[in-house]
Structure formats: C-alpha cells, structure tokens
Amino acid sequence: MEIFKRCIFVVFLSICINAYAEDPIDLNSADKATLMMVKGVGESRAQAIINYRDRYGPFGSVDELAEVDGIGQATVEANREILIVNKK
C-alpha cells in the first residue's frame, strides 16, 4: 500500500510540474490548436479569437480578449497566468 501511495504522489507531482512548465500562449501569434488549450476555449471560440485578430489587428493586452464574442472576463481571469500579448 505504501508503494501505491508513493506512485500516486509521483504521478500527481509530475502533472503539477508539467502544468507550470508549459510555455505561455501569445494571443497575437497562436494558431487554432494552441488557442484551444486555453481553459474554456474550444474550436469555435478559438476561431472567433483568430477572426477578431484578423479584423482588428494584434491584441493590445490580455484584457482585450474579453471583447471577443463568446469570451468573457471570467475566461480571461481563469487563464491570465498563461496568456501573453507579444507586441513585436
């Protein structure tokens, strides 16, 4: 039983480490598949983000994401730590 507990702990720890090791998602360059990794964003919302970017140009801030149809402030807040806006 002790070995089982240790195995579960190691699996849990590795999942947590992987969650923090992921690269940030740049709203100005991410493709649809990458945008779909954002919590609360599926295929249609990812496409809406791309359509918004194509129509209005690059995002000026992460908060601007809330202007996209189907994306609210709650989605922005839930993902703020992994989202960036590269203004190159």
PDB file of N, CA and C in Angstrom:
ATOM      1  N   MET A   1       0.825  -1.191   0.000  1.00  0.00           N
ATOM      2  CA  MET A   1       0.000   0.000   0.000  1.00  0.00           C
ATOM      3  C   MET A   1       0.873   1.260   0.000  1.00  0.00           C
ATOM      4  N   GLU A   2       1.964   1.221   0.728  1.00  0.00           N
ATOM      5  CA  GLU A   2       2.861   2.378   0.793  1.00  0.00           C
ATOM      6  C   GLU A   2       3.455   2.688  -0.588  1.00  0.00           C
ATOM      7  N   ILE A   3       3.801   1.675  -1.337  1.00  0.00           N
ATOM      8  CA  ILE A   3       4.351   1.874  -2.679  1.00  0.00           C
ATOM      9  C   ILE A   3       3.296   2.517  -3.578  1.00  0.00           C
ATOM     10  N   PHE A   4       2.073   2.061  -3.461  1.00  0.00           N
ATOM     11  CA  PHE A   4       0.979   2.623  -4.248  1.00  0.00           C
ATOM     12  C   PHE A   4       0.807   4.115  -3.947  1.00  0.00           C
ATOM     13  N   LYS A   5       0.843   4.484  -2.684  1.00  0.00           N
ATOM     14  CA  LYS A   5       0.710   5.891  -2.300  1.00  0.00           C
ATOM     15  C   LYS A   5       1.849   6.729  -2.881  1.00  0.00           C
ATOM     16  N   ARG A   6       3.040   6.183  -2.840  1.00  0.00           N
ATOM     17  CA  ARG A   6       4.185   6.912  -3.394  1.00  0.00           C
ATOM     18  C   ARG A   6       4.057   7.078  -4.907  1.00  0.00           C
ATOM     19  N   CYS A   7       3.582   6.045  -5.566  1.00  0.00           N
ATOM     20  CA  CYS A   7       3.388   6.128  -7.018  1.00  0.00           C
ATOM     21  C   CYS A   7       2.357   7.199  -7.367  1.00  0.00           C
ATOM     22  N   ILE A   8       1.267   7.224  -6.634  1.00  0.00           N
ATOM     23  CA  ILE A   8       0.234   8.234  -6.860  1.00  0.00           C
ATOM     24  C   ILE A   8       0.809   9.633  -6.638  1.00  0.00           C
ATOM     25  N   PHE A   9       1.591   9.789  -5.591  1.00  0.00           N
ATOM     26  CA  PHE A   9       2.206  11.087  -5.301  1.00  0.00           C
ATOM     27  C   PHE A   9       3.129  11.519  -6.434  1.00  0.00           C
ATOM     28  N   VAL A  10       3.934  10.613  -6.948  1.00  0.00           N
ATOM     29  CA  VAL A  10       4.862  10.933  -8.036  1.00  0.00           C
ATOM     30  C   VAL A  10       4.088  11.339  -9.292  1.00  0.00           C
ATOM     31  N   VAL A  11       3.027  10.621  -9.601  1.00  0.00           N
ATOM     32  CA  VAL A  11       2.208  10.963 -10.766  1.00  0.00           C
ATOM     33  C   VAL A  11       1.602  12.357 -10.589  1.00  0.00           C
ATOM     34  N   PHE A  12       1.042  12.605  -9.430  1.00  0.00           N
ATOM     35  CA  PHE A  12       0.445  13.911  -9.142  1.00  0.00           C
ATOM     36  C   PHE A  12       1.482  15.023  -9.263  1.00  0.00           C
ATOM     37  N   LEU A  13       2.639  14.812  -8.703  1.00  0.00           N
ATOM     38  CA  LEU A  13       3.700  15.809  -8.744  1.00  0.00           C
ATOM     39  C   LEU A  13       4.140  16.088 -10.180  1.00  0.00           C
ATOM     40  N   SER A  14       4.273  15.057 -10.985  1.00  0.00           N
ATOM     41  CA  SER A  14       4.710  15.256 -12.367  1.00  0.00           C
ATOM     42  C   SER A  14       3.654  15.997 -13.181  1.00  0.00           C
ATOM     43  N   ILE A  15       2.387  15.765 -12.895  1.00  0.00           N
ATOM     44  CA  ILE A  15       1.323  16.504 -13.575  1.00  0.00           C
ATOM     45  C   ILE A  15       1.400  17.976 -13.207  1.00  0.00           C
ATOM     46  N   CYS A  16       1.597  18.261 -11.937  1.00  0.00           N
ATOM     47  CA  CYS A  16       1.692  19.654 -11.486  1.00  0.00           C
ATOM     48  C   CYS A  16       2.885  20.357 -12.113  1.00  0.00           C
ATOM     49  N   ILE A  17       4.003  19.692 -12.178  1.00  0.00           N
ATOM     50  CA  ILE A  17       5.206  20.286 -12.765  1.00  0.00           C
ATOM     51  C   ILE A  17       4.979  20.573 -14.241  1.00  0.00           C
ATOM     52  N   ASN A  18       4.354  19.646 -14.959  1.00  0.00           N
ATOM     53  CA  ASN A  18       4.079  19.862 -16.379  1.00  0.00           C
ATOM     54  C   ASN A  18       3.141  21.036 -16.594  1.00  0.00           C
ATOM     55  N   ALA A  19       2.182  21.221 -15.705  1.00  0.00           N
ATOM     56  CA  ALA A  19       1.246  22.335 -15.838  1.00  0.00           C
ATOM     57  C   ALA A  19       1.977  23.667 -15.746  1.00  0.00           C
ATOM     58  N   TYR A  20       2.972  23.762 -14.895  1.00  0.00           N
ATOM     59  CA  TYR A  20       3.723  25.001 -14.748  1.00  0.00           C
ATOM     60  C   TYR A  20       4.825  25.151 -15.786  1.00  0.00           C
ATOM     61  N   ALA A  21       5.209  24.078 -16.440  1.00  0.00           N
ATOM     62  CA  ALA A  21       6.316  24.123 -17.380  1.00  0.00           C
ATOM     63  C   ALA A  21       5.888  24.537 -18.784  1.00  0.00           C
ATOM     64  N   GLU A  22       4.587  24.593 -19.043  1.00  0.00           N
ATOM     65  CA  GLU A  22       4.124  24.927 -20.374  1.00  0.00           C
ATOM     66  C   GLU A  22       4.458  26.370 -20.725  1.00  0.00           C
ATOM     67  N   ASP A  23       4.718  26.583 -22.005  1.00  0.00           N
ATOM     68  CA  ASP A  23       5.009  27.928 -22.491  1.00  0.00           C
ATOM     69  C   ASP A  23       3.752  28.781 -22.438  1.00  0.00           C
ATOM     70  N   PRO A  24       3.911  30.076 -22.253  1.00  0.00           N
ATOM     71  CA  PRO A  24       2.745  30.956 -22.304  1.00  0.00           C
ATOM     72  C   PRO A  24       2.154  30.982 -23.714  1.00  0.00           C
ATOM     73  N   ILE A  25       0.901  31.325 -23.815  1.00  0.00           N
ATOM     74  CA  ILE A  25       0.212  31.386 -25.099  1.00  0.00           C
ATOM     75  C   ILE A  25       0.102  32.848 -25.510  1.00  0.00           C
ATOM     76  N   ASP A  26       0.702  33.163 -26.647  1.00  0.00           N
ATOM     77  CA  ASP A  26       0.675  34.527 -27.176  1.00  0.00           C
ATOM     78  C   ASP A  26      -0.586  34.700 -28.025  1.00  0.00           C
ATOM     79  N   LEU A  27      -1.476  35.569 -27.583  1.00  0.00           N
ATOM     80  CA  LEU A  27      -2.731  35.790 -28.291  1.00  0.00           C
ATOM     81  C   LEU A  27      -2.524  36.330 -29.700  1.00  0.00           C
ATOM     82  N   ASN A  28      -1.388  36.935 -29.965  1.00  0.00           N
ATOM     83  CA  ASN A  28      -1.139  37.529 -31.278  1.00  0.00           C
ATOM     84  C   ASN A  28      -0.512  36.577 -32.285  1.00  0.00           C
ATOM     85  N   SER A  29      -0.073  35.419 -31.854  1.00  0.00           N
ATOM     86  CA  SER A  29       0.558  34.504 -32.810  1.00  0.00           C
ATOM     87  C   SER A  29       0.061  33.064 -32.709  1.00  0.00           C
ATOM     88  N   ALA A  30      -0.738  32.752 -31.713  1.00  0.00           N
ATOM     89  CA  ALA A  30      -1.184  31.370 -31.511  1.00  0.00           C
ATOM     90  C   ALA A  30      -2.129  30.926 -32.624  1.00  0.00           C
ATOM     91  N   ASP A  31      -1.950  29.680 -33.049  1.00  0.00           N
ATOM     92  CA  ASP A  31      -2.867  29.110 -34.027  1.00  0.00           C
ATOM     93  C   ASP A  31      -4.086  28.521 -33.306  1.00  0.00           C
ATOM     94  N   LYS A  32      -5.026  27.998 -34.080  1.00  0.00           N
ATOM     95  CA  LYS A  32      -6.274  27.495 -33.505  1.00  0.00           C
ATOM     96  C   LYS A  32      -6.025  26.382 -32.495  1.00  0.00           C
ATOM     97  N   ALA A  33      -5.160  25.439 -32.827  1.00  0.00           N
ATOM     98  CA  ALA A  33      -4.887  24.317 -31.916  1.00  0.00           C
ATOM     99  C   ALA A  33      -4.309  24.808 -30.593  1.00  0.00           C
ATOM    100  N   THR A  34      -3.436  25.784 -30.652  1.00  0.00           N
ATOM    101  CA  THR A  34      -2.845  26.333 -29.428  1.00  0.00           C
ATOM    102  C   THR A  34      -3.893  27.072 -28.613  1.00  0.00           C
ATOM    103  N   LEU A  35      -4.718  27.867 -29.268  1.00  0.00           N
ATOM    104  CA  LEU A  35      -5.766  28.601 -28.558  1.00  0.00           C
ATOM    105  C   LEU A  35      -6.762  27.656 -27.888  1.00  0.00           C
ATOM    106  N   MET A  36      -6.958  26.483 -28.463  1.00  0.00           N
ATOM    107  CA  MET A  36      -7.881  25.506 -27.883  1.00  0.00           C
ATOM    108  C   MET A  36      -7.349  24.921 -26.579  1.00  0.00           C
ATOM    109  N   MET A  37      -6.087  25.156 -26.250  1.00  0.00           N
ATOM    110  CA  MET A  37      -5.530  24.702 -24.976  1.00  0.00           C
ATOM    111  C   MET A  37      -5.889  25.642 -23.830  1.00  0.00           C
ATOM    112  N   VAL A  38      -6.430  26.806 -24.161  1.00  0.00           N
ATOM    113  CA  VAL A  38      -6.868  27.756 -23.140  1.00  0.00           C
ATOM    114  C   VAL A  38      -8.148  27.216 -22.508  1.00  0.00           C
ATOM    115  N   LYS A  39      -8.190  27.224 -21.185  1.00  0.00           N
ATOM    116  CA  LYS A  39      -9.363  26.707 -20.485  1.00  0.00           C
ATOM    117  C   LYS A  39     -10.598  27.517 -20.876  1.00  0.00           C
ATOM    118  N   GLY A  40     -11.645  26.813 -21.316  1.00  0.00           N
ATOM    119  CA  GLY A  40     -12.888  27.464 -21.708  1.00  0.00           C
ATOM    120  C   GLY A  40     -12.955  27.837 -23.179  1.00  0.00           C
ATOM    121  N   VAL A  41     -11.916  27.493 -23.938  1.00  0.00           N
ATOM    122  CA  VAL A  41     -11.878  27.823 -25.363  1.00  0.00           C
ATOM    123  C   VAL A  41     -11.858  26.531 -26.172  1.00  0.00           C
ATOM    124  N   GLY A  42     -12.910  26.343 -26.945  1.00  0.00           N
ATOM    125  CA  GLY A  42     -12.987  25.206 -27.854  1.00  0.00           C
ATOM    126  C   GLY A  42     -12.706  25.670 -29.273  1.00  0.00           C
ATOM    127  N   GLU A  43     -13.090  24.840 -30.222  1.00  0.00           N
ATOM    128  CA  GLU A  43     -12.790  25.140 -31.621  1.00  0.00           C
ATOM    129  C   GLU A  43     -13.459  26.431 -32.101  1.00  0.00           C
ATOM    130  N   SER A  44     -14.737  26.624 -31.777  1.00  0.00           N
ATOM    131  CA  SER A  44     -15.436  27.815 -32.279  1.00  0.00           C
ATOM    132  C   SER A  44     -14.918  29.098 -31.626  1.00  0.00           C
ATOM    133  N   ARG A  45     -14.611  29.052 -30.347  1.00  0.00           N
ATOM    134  CA  ARG A  45     -14.073  30.249 -29.681  1.00  0.00           C
ATOM    135  C   ARG A  45     -12.649  30.542 -30.144  1.00  0.00           C
ATOM    136  N   ALA A  46     -11.871  29.495 -30.387  1.00  0.00           N
ATOM    137  CA  ALA A  46     -10.518  29.703 -30.915  1.00  0.00           C
ATOM    138  C   ALA A  46     -10.596  30.392 -32.275  1.00  0.00           C
ATOM    139  N   GLN A  47     -11.535  29.954 -33.103  1.00  0.00           N
ATOM    140  CA  GLN A  47     -11.705  30.596 -34.410  1.00  0.00           C
ATOM    141  C   GLN A  47     -12.183  32.034 -34.252  1.00  0.00           C
ATOM    142  N   ALA A  48     -13.041  32.284 -33.262  1.00  0.00           N
ATOM    143  CA  ALA A  48     -13.508  33.655 -33.005  1.00  0.00           C
ATOM    144  C   ALA A  48     -12.346  34.564 -32.603  1.00  0.00           C
ATOM    145  N   ILE A  49     -11.405  34.034 -31.840  1.00  0.00           N
ATOM    146  CA  ILE A  49     -10.217  34.812 -31.450  1.00  0.00           C
ATOM    147  C   ILE A  49      -9.394  35.161 -32.689  1.00  0.00           C
ATOM    148  N   ILE A  50      -9.201  34.189 -33.561  1.00  0.00           N
ATOM    149  CA  ILE A  50      -8.441  34.420 -34.794  1.00  0.00           C
ATOM    150  C   ILE A  50      -9.165  35.428 -35.685  1.00  0.00           C
ATOM    151  N   ASN A  51     -10.492  35.293 -35.802  1.00  0.00           N
ATOM    152  CA  ASN A  51     -11.273  36.234 -36.613  1.00  0.00           C
ATOM    153  C   ASN A  51     -11.166  37.655 -36.062  1.00  0.00           C
ATOM    154  N   TYR A  52     -11.224  37.787 -34.744  1.00  0.00           N
ATOM    155  CA  TYR A  52     -11.094  39.094 -34.097  1.00  0.00           C
ATOM    156  C   TYR A  52      -9.723  39.693 -34.407  1.00  0.00           C
ATOM    157  N   ARG A  53      -8.702  38.873 -34.270  1.00  0.00           N
ATOM    158  CA  ARG A  53      -7.325  39.325 -34.526  1.00  0.00           C
ATOM    159  C   ARG A  53      -7.160  39.748 -35.988  1.00  0.00           C
ATOM    160  N   ASP A  54      -7.747  38.974 -36.906  1.00  0.00           N
ATOM    161  CA  ASP A  54      -7.656  39.315 -38.330  1.00  0.00           C
ATOM    162  C   ASP A  54      -8.390  40.620 -38.643  1.00  0.00           C
ATOM    163  N   ARG A  55      -9.509  40.843 -37.972  1.00  0.00           N
ATOM    164  CA  ARG A  55     -10.323  42.032 -38.246  1.00  0.00           C
ATOM    165  C   ARG A  55      -9.768  43.301 -37.598  1.00  0.00           C
ATOM    166  N   TYR A  56      -9.337  43.188 -36.335  1.00  0.00           N
ATOM    167  CA  TYR A  56      -8.942  44.376 -35.573  1.00  0.00           C
ATOM    168  C   TYR A  56      -7.433  44.531 -35.378  1.00  0.00           C
ATOM    169  N   GLY A  57      -6.675  43.556 -35.827  1.00  0.00           N
ATOM    170  CA  GLY A  57      -5.231  43.619 -35.648  1.00  0.00           C
ATOM    171  C   GLY A  57      -4.809  42.972 -34.338  1.00  0.00           C
ATOM    172  N   PRO A  58      -3.528  43.082 -34.011  1.00  0.00           N
ATOM    173  CA  PRO A  58      -3.000  42.410 -32.819  1.00  0.00           C
ATOM    174  C   PRO A  58      -3.676  42.891 -31.536  1.00  0.00           C
ATOM    175  N   PHE A  59      -3.758  41.983 -30.580  1.00  0.00           N
ATOM    176  CA  PHE A  59      -4.276  42.332 -29.258  1.00  0.00           C
ATOM    177  C   PHE A  59      -3.305  43.299 -28.594  1.00  0.00           C
ATOM    178  N   GLY A  60      -3.839  44.311 -27.936  1.00  0.00           N
ATOM    179  CA  GLY A  60      -3.010  45.259 -27.211  1.00  0.00           C
ATOM    180  C   GLY A  60      -2.747  44.830 -25.783  1.00  0.00           C
ATOM    181  N   SER A  61      -3.630  43.971 -25.268  1.00  0.00           N
ATOM    182  CA  SER A  61      -3.485  43.474 -23.899  1.00  0.00           C
ATOM    183  C   SER A  61      -4.266  42.175 -23.765  1.00  0.00           C
ATOM    184  N   VAL A  62      -3.965  41.433 -22.725  1.00  0.00           N
ATOM    185  CA  VAL A  62      -4.703  40.199 -22.446  1.00  0.00           C
ATOM    186  C   VAL A  62      -6.167  40.526 -22.165  1.00  0.00           C
ATOM    187  N   ASP A  63      -6.430  41.644 -21.510  1.00  0.00           N
ATOM    188  CA  ASP A  63      -7.806  42.031 -21.182  1.00  0.00           C
ATOM    189  C   ASP A  63      -8.670  42.230 -22.419  1.00  0.00           C
ATOM    190  N   GLU A  64      -8.072  42.592 -23.531  1.00  0.00           N
ATOM    191  CA  GLU A  64      -8.822  42.786 -24.773  1.00  0.00           C
ATOM    192  C   GLU A  64      -9.481  41.490 -25.238  1.00  0.00           C
ATOM    193  N   LEU A  65      -8.983  40.363 -24.804  1.00  0.00           N
ATOM    194  CA  LEU A  65      -9.574  39.073 -25.168  1.00  0.00           C
ATOM    195  C   LEU A  65     -11.052  39.018 -24.799  1.00  0.00           C
ATOM    196  N   ALA A  66     -11.453  39.706 -23.753  1.00  0.00           N
ATOM    197  CA  ALA A  66     -12.853  39.709 -23.320  1.00  0.00           C
ATOM    198  C   ALA A  66     -13.772  40.372 -24.345  1.00  0.00           C
ATOM    199  N   GLU A  67     -13.213  41.094 -25.308  1.00  0.00           N
ATOM    200  CA  GLU A  67     -14.008  41.733 -26.362  1.00  0.00           C
ATOM    201  C   GLU A  67     -14.437  40.742 -27.441  1.00  0.00           C
ATOM    202  N   VAL A  68     -13.834  39.566 -27.474  1.00  0.00           N
ATOM    203  CA  VAL A  68     -14.152  38.551 -28.477  1.00  0.00           C
ATOM    204  C   VAL A  68     -15.494  37.912 -28.129  1.00  0.00           C
ATOM    205  N   ASP A  69     -16.358  37.757 -29.140  1.00  0.00           N
ATOM    206  CA  ASP A  69     -17.649  37.105 -28.920  1.00  0.00           C
ATOM    207  C   ASP A  69     -17.456  35.725 -28.311  1.00  0.00           C
ATOM    208  N   GLY A  70     -18.175  35.456 -27.225  1.00  0.00           N
ATOM    209  CA  GLY A  70     -18.113  34.158 -26.566  1.00  0.00           C
ATOM    210  C   GLY A  70     -17.051  34.054 -25.492  1.00  0.00           C
ATOM    211  N   ILE A  71     -16.203  35.066 -25.376  1.00  0.00           N
ATOM    212  CA  ILE A  71     -15.163  35.077 -24.350  1.00  0.00           C
ATOM    213  C   ILE A  71     -15.525  36.159 -23.341  1.00  0.00           C
ATOM    214  N   GLY A  72     -15.595  35.798 -22.094  1.00  0.00           N
ATOM    215  CA  GLY A  72     -15.912  36.776 -21.063  1.00  0.00           C
ATOM    216  C   GLY A  72     -14.731  37.038 -20.147  1.00  0.00           C
ATOM    217  N   GLN A  73     -14.939  37.949 -19.240  1.00  0.00           N
ATOM    218  CA  GLN A  73     -13.890  38.300 -18.285  1.00  0.00           C
ATOM    219  C   GLN A  73     -13.495  37.107 -17.428  1.00  0.00           C
ATOM    220  N   ALA A  74     -14.451  36.215 -17.134  1.00  0.00           N
ATOM    221  CA  ALA A  74     -14.142  35.033 -16.321  1.00  0.00           C
ATOM    222  C   ALA A  74     -13.125  34.137 -17.023  1.00  0.00           C
ATOM    223  N   THR A  75     -13.257  33.991 -18.332  1.00  0.00           N
ATOM    224  CA  THR A  75     -12.291  33.188 -19.094  1.00  0.00           C
ATOM    225  C   THR A  75     -10.923  33.850 -19.081  1.00  0.00           C
ATOM    226  N   VAL A  76     -10.903  35.153 -19.225  1.00  0.00           N
ATOM    227  CA  VAL A  76      -9.633  35.890 -19.181  1.00  0.00           C
ATOM    228  C   VAL A  76      -8.959  35.683 -17.831  1.00  0.00           C
ATOM    229  N   GLU A  77      -9.705  35.858 -16.753  1.00  0.00           N
ATOM    230  CA  GLU A  77      -9.135  35.716 -15.408  1.00  0.00           C
ATOM    231  C   GLU A  77      -8.659  34.293 -15.139  1.00  0.00           C
ATOM    232  N   ALA A  78      -9.406  33.303 -15.618  1.00  0.00           N
ATOM    233  CA  ALA A  78      -9.032  31.906 -15.382  1.00  0.00           C
ATOM    234  C   ALA A  78      -7.741  31.523 -16.092  1.00  0.00           C
ATOM    235  N   ASN A  79      -7.376  32.288 -17.123  1.00  0.00           N
ATOM    236  CA  ASN A  79      -6.204  31.949 -17.934  1.00  0.00           C
ATOM    237  C   ASN A  79      -5.121  33.024 -17.929  1.00  0.00           C
ATOM    238  N   ARG A  80      -5.298  34.043 -17.140  1.00  0.00           N
ATOM    239  CA  ARG A  80      -4.384  35.191 -17.157  1.00  0.00           C
ATOM    240  C   ARG A  80      -2.914  34.783 -17.011  1.00  0.00           C
ATOM    241  N   GLU A  81      -2.634  33.796 -16.188  1.00  0.00           N
ATOM    242  CA  GLU A  81      -1.237  33.407 -15.927  1.00  0.00           C
ATOM    243  C   GLU A  81      -0.553  32.755 -17.119  1.00  0.00           C
ATOM    244  N   ILE A  82      -1.329  32.220 -18.066  1.00  0.00           N
ATOM    245  CA  ILE A  82      -0.701  31.552 -19.211  1.00  0.00           C
ATOM    246  C   ILE A  82      -0.797  32.363 -20.494  1.00  0.00           C
ATOM    247  N   LEU A  83      -1.522  33.475 -20.473  1.00  0.00           N
ATOM    248  CA  LEU A  83      -1.708  34.281 -21.677  1.00  0.00           C
ATOM    249  C   LEU A  83      -0.752  35.469 -21.693  1.00  0.00           C
ATOM    250  N   ILE A  84      -0.224  35.744 -22.872  1.00  0.00           N
ATOM    251  CA  ILE A  84       0.617  36.926 -23.062  1.00  0.00           C
ATOM    252  C   ILE A  84       0.220  37.605 -24.368  1.00  0.00           C
ATOM    253  N   VAL A  85       0.663  38.838 -24.526  1.00  0.00           N
ATOM    254  CA  VAL A  85       0.485  39.579 -25.767  1.00  0.00           C
ATOM    255  C   VAL A  85       1.856  40.096 -26.171  1.00  0.00           C
ATOM    256  N   ASN A  86       2.392  39.503 -27.221  1.00  0.00           N
ATOM    257  CA  ASN A  86       3.682  39.928 -27.747  1.00  0.00           C
ATOM    258  C   ASN A  86       3.419  41.028 -28.758  1.00  0.00           C
ATOM    259  N   LYS A  87       3.986  42.181 -28.547  1.00  0.00           N
ATOM    260  CA  LYS A  87       3.701  43.346 -29.396  1.00  0.00           C
ATOM    261  C   LYS A  87       4.789  43.609 -30.427  1.00  0.00           C
ATOM    262  N   LYS A  88       5.459  42.580 -30.895  1.00  0.00           N
ATOM    263  CA  LYS A  88       6.530  42.750 -31.892  1.00  0.00           C
ATOM    264  C   LYS A  88       5.998  43.316 -33.174  1.00  0.00           C
TER     265      LYS A  88
END
